[in-house]
Protein backbone atom coordinates (compact mmCIF):
# COMPACT_ATOMS: atom_id res chain seq x y z
CA UNK A 1 35.29 -31.65 5.34
CA UNK A 2 35.18 -29.19 2.60
CA UNK A 3 37.69 -30.71 0.90
CA UNK A 4 36.67 -34.01 1.17
CA UNK A 5 33.13 -33.25 -0.89
CA UNK A 6 35.07 -31.01 -3.38
CA UNK A 7 37.63 -33.93 -3.73
CA UNK A 8 34.01 -36.28 -4.06
CA UNK A 9 32.86 -34.36 -6.57
CA UNK A 10 35.75 -34.34 -8.82
CA UNK A 11 36.32 -38.15 -8.63
CA UNK A 12 32.76 -38.75 -9.29
CA UNK A 13 31.67 -40.68 -12.67
CA UNK A 14 28.48 -40.28 -15.00
CA UNK A 15 26.09 -42.74 -14.05
CA UNK A 16 25.48 -43.53 -17.14
CA UNK A 17 27.48 -46.87 -17.88
CA UNK A 18 28.15 -46.08 -21.10
CA UNK A 19 29.86 -42.80 -19.71
CA UNK A 20 32.98 -42.52 -18.98
CA UNK A 21 32.91 -38.23 -17.91
CA UNK A 22 33.10 -36.48 -14.84
CA UNK A 23 29.06 -37.04 -12.96
CA UNK A 24 28.52 -32.91 -12.02
CA UNK A 25 24.79 -33.01 -12.30
CA UNK A 26 22.45 -34.32 -9.74
CA UNK A 27 19.19 -36.31 -10.88
CA UNK A 28 16.67 -37.99 -8.58
CA UNK A 29 17.12 -42.02 -8.22
CA UNK A 30 13.26 -42.69 -8.45
CA UNK A 31 9.73 -41.05 -8.01
CA UNK A 32 10.02 -42.15 -4.14
CA UNK A 33 13.81 -41.08 -3.37
CA UNK A 34 13.68 -37.75 -4.43
CA UNK A 35 16.48 -36.79 -2.27
CA UNK A 36 18.80 -39.52 -3.46
CA UNK A 37 20.62 -38.62 -6.42
CA UNK A 38 22.69 -40.34 -9.70
CA UNK A 39 25.22 -38.27 -10.97
CA UNK A 40 25.82 -37.56 -14.45
CA UNK A 41 27.81 -35.39 -17.05
CA UNK A 42 26.04 -32.60 -19.08
CA UNK A 43 24.87 -34.62 -22.12
CA UNK A 44 23.74 -37.43 -20.05
CA UNK A 45 21.31 -35.47 -17.56
CA UNK A 46 19.76 -33.93 -20.67
CA UNK A 47 18.94 -37.32 -21.86
CA UNK A 48 18.03 -38.45 -18.97
CA UNK A 49 15.66 -35.14 -18.33
CA UNK A 50 13.89 -35.61 -21.47
CA UNK A 51 13.27 -39.33 -20.34
CA UNK A 52 12.00 -38.70 -16.73
CA UNK A 53 8.36 -38.56 -16.26
CA UNK A 54 7.84 -37.86 -12.63
CA UNK A 55 3.93 -39.51 -13.04
CA UNK A 56 4.97 -42.31 -14.95
CA UNK A 57 2.95 -45.67 -13.33
CA UNK A 58 0.31 -43.64 -11.96
CA UNK A 59 -3.02 -44.33 -12.02
CA UNK A 60 -6.10 -41.92 -12.52
CA UNK A 61 -6.71 -41.39 -8.70
CA UNK A 62 -3.27 -41.12 -8.24
CA UNK A 63 -2.43 -38.29 -10.72
CA UNK A 64 -5.38 -36.47 -9.39
CA UNK A 65 -4.10 -36.58 -6.06
CA UNK A 66 -0.83 -35.40 -6.98
CA UNK A 67 -1.98 -32.66 -9.10
CA UNK A 68 -4.31 -31.61 -6.41
CA UNK A 69 -1.23 -31.53 -4.08
CA UNK A 70 0.15 -29.31 -6.56
CA UNK A 71 -1.82 -26.45 -6.28
CA UNK A 72 -1.51 -26.20 -2.68
CA UNK A 73 1.59 -26.44 -3.09
CA UNK A 74 1.56 -29.72 -0.93
CA UNK A 75 0.28 -28.54 1.98
CA UNK A 76 -2.57 -29.38 3.68
CA UNK A 77 -6.08 -27.25 3.00
CA UNK A 78 -9.59 -28.01 3.82
CA UNK A 79 -12.99 -27.04 1.91
CA UNK A 80 -14.88 -24.35 2.43
CA UNK A 81 -17.35 -24.18 5.65
CA UNK A 82 -15.31 -27.78 7.22
CA UNK A 83 -13.25 -25.47 9.48
CA UNK A 84 -14.03 -22.18 11.05
CA UNK A 85 -10.66 -20.72 9.88
CA UNK A 86 -11.61 -17.19 10.96
CA UNK A 87 -12.35 -18.16 14.23
CA UNK A 88 -9.20 -17.68 15.83
CA UNK A 89 -8.77 -14.11 14.24
CA UNK A 90 -12.66 -13.07 15.24
CA UNK A 91 -11.81 -14.29 18.84
CA UNK A 92 -8.85 -11.61 18.69
CA UNK A 93 -10.44 -8.91 16.78
CA UNK A 94 -13.69 -9.55 19.53
CA UNK A 95 -11.03 -9.62 22.60
CA UNK A 96 -10.19 -5.79 20.82
CA UNK A 97 -13.08 -4.41 20.08
CA UNK A 98 -13.93 -5.33 23.73
CA UNK A 99 -11.10 -3.48 25.10
CA UNK A 100 -12.07 -0.69 23.12
CA UNK A 101 -15.76 -0.65 23.79
CA UNK A 102 -14.44 -0.85 27.96
CA UNK A 103 -11.70 2.38 27.53
CA UNK A 104 -14.68 4.01 25.58
CA UNK A 105 -17.14 3.29 28.41
CA UNK A 106 -14.62 4.38 31.00
CA UNK A 107 -14.20 7.91 28.83
CA UNK A 108 -17.84 8.20 28.83
CA UNK A 109 -18.36 7.29 32.67
CA UNK A 110 -15.33 10.15 33.27
CA UNK A 111 -16.93 12.12 30.90
CA UNK A 112 -20.42 12.33 32.60
CA UNK A 113 -19.35 12.21 35.56
CA UNK A 114 -17.33 15.93 34.29
CA UNK A 115 -20.82 16.94 33.24
CA UNK A 116 -22.51 16.34 36.65
CA UNK A 117 -19.81 17.87 38.59
CA UNK A 118 -19.77 21.50 36.18
CA UNK A 119 -23.61 20.87 36.64
CA UNK A 120 -23.09 20.69 40.31
CA UNK A 121 -25.27 17.31 40.33
CA UNK A 122 -24.91 14.19 41.66
CA UNK A 123 -24.51 11.19 39.41
CA UNK A 124 -27.53 9.77 40.64
CA UNK A 125 -29.89 12.54 39.75
CA UNK A 126 -32.84 12.18 37.48
CA UNK A 127 -33.95 13.69 34.64
CA UNK A 128 -35.88 15.95 35.56
CA UNK A 129 -33.49 17.78 38.01
CA UNK A 130 -31.03 17.80 35.33
CA UNK A 131 -33.28 19.87 33.04
CA UNK A 132 -34.09 22.39 35.87
CA UNK A 133 -30.69 22.64 36.87
CA UNK A 134 -29.61 23.34 33.36
CA UNK A 135 -32.15 26.38 33.23
CA UNK A 136 -31.12 27.87 36.17
CA UNK A 137 -27.50 28.01 34.87
CA UNK A 138 -28.56 28.76 31.45
CA UNK A 139 -30.12 31.98 32.88
CA UNK A 140 -27.46 32.77 35.10
CA UNK A 141 -24.52 32.41 32.51
CA UNK A 142 -26.07 33.62 29.56
CA UNK A 143 -23.71 35.84 27.95
CA UNK A 144 -26.26 38.59 27.04
CA UNK A 145 -27.48 38.69 30.54
CA UNK A 146 -24.14 39.25 31.65
CA UNK A 147 -21.88 42.16 32.15
CA UNK A 148 -19.41 43.03 29.06
CA UNK A 149 -16.16 42.96 30.79
CA UNK A 150 -16.23 39.69 31.49
CA UNK A 151 -18.25 38.32 28.74
CA UNK A 152 -15.77 36.03 27.18
CA UNK A 153 -15.36 34.04 30.64
CA UNK A 154 -19.18 34.27 30.99
CA UNK A 155 -19.82 32.76 27.34
CA UNK A 156 -16.82 29.99 27.81
CA UNK A 157 -18.97 29.40 31.50
CA UNK A 158 -22.14 29.18 29.51
CA UNK A 159 -20.85 27.09 26.73
CA UNK A 160 -19.40 24.26 29.53
CA UNK A 161 -23.11 24.22 30.76
CA UNK A 162 -24.75 23.61 27.72
CA UNK A 163 -22.29 20.46 26.61
CA UNK A 164 -22.74 19.66 29.93
CA UNK A 165 -26.15 19.37 29.87
CA UNK A 166 -26.27 17.76 26.36
CA UNK A 167 -23.71 15.02 27.89
CA UNK A 168 -26.02 14.14 30.61
CA UNK A 169 -29.19 13.79 28.40
CA UNK A 170 -27.46 11.61 25.61
CA UNK A 171 -26.75 9.60 28.84
CA UNK A 172 -30.17 9.11 29.45
CA UNK A 173 -31.61 8.86 26.11
CA UNK A 174 -29.02 5.80 25.60
CA UNK A 175 -30.04 4.39 28.91
CA UNK A 176 -33.72 4.37 27.56
CA UNK A 177 -32.60 2.71 24.02
CA UNK A 178 -30.87 -0.26 25.87
């Protein structure tokens, strides 16, 4: 197959009727047949390129259409505002955002349950019960009240109780806002 193409190229005569040299260089036959070629020698292809005008014969409107097509590399395009191209992107990112919110909500629920457990309360306890329990535990586990030999352990216990109380208070304030 390769040999026949090479043989065909080597036997091809220039498409210029006045020339008898080897036609090696392709040039389109016409504007409508850009994939069909005439083959010229180097001198004739230079003359052809100088004289050939792709836009020859087009009226003003057709020329404008060709210019517009070339701006977008002959790909379809839409005027701004006629098609919501970002819809698919927004939909995809909203899906990720919803997954992120759901994951954060699950993490908050786990943290909130752990906070109620630290205070020794149920998750259905009201704000007054939480405050009362916190005051009781804070007085009991405050480092200033404890003995010096266990003060590090007691300080950590007090910090955990305080952090749990803050998490629970945040959950109550979020419930009030929504």
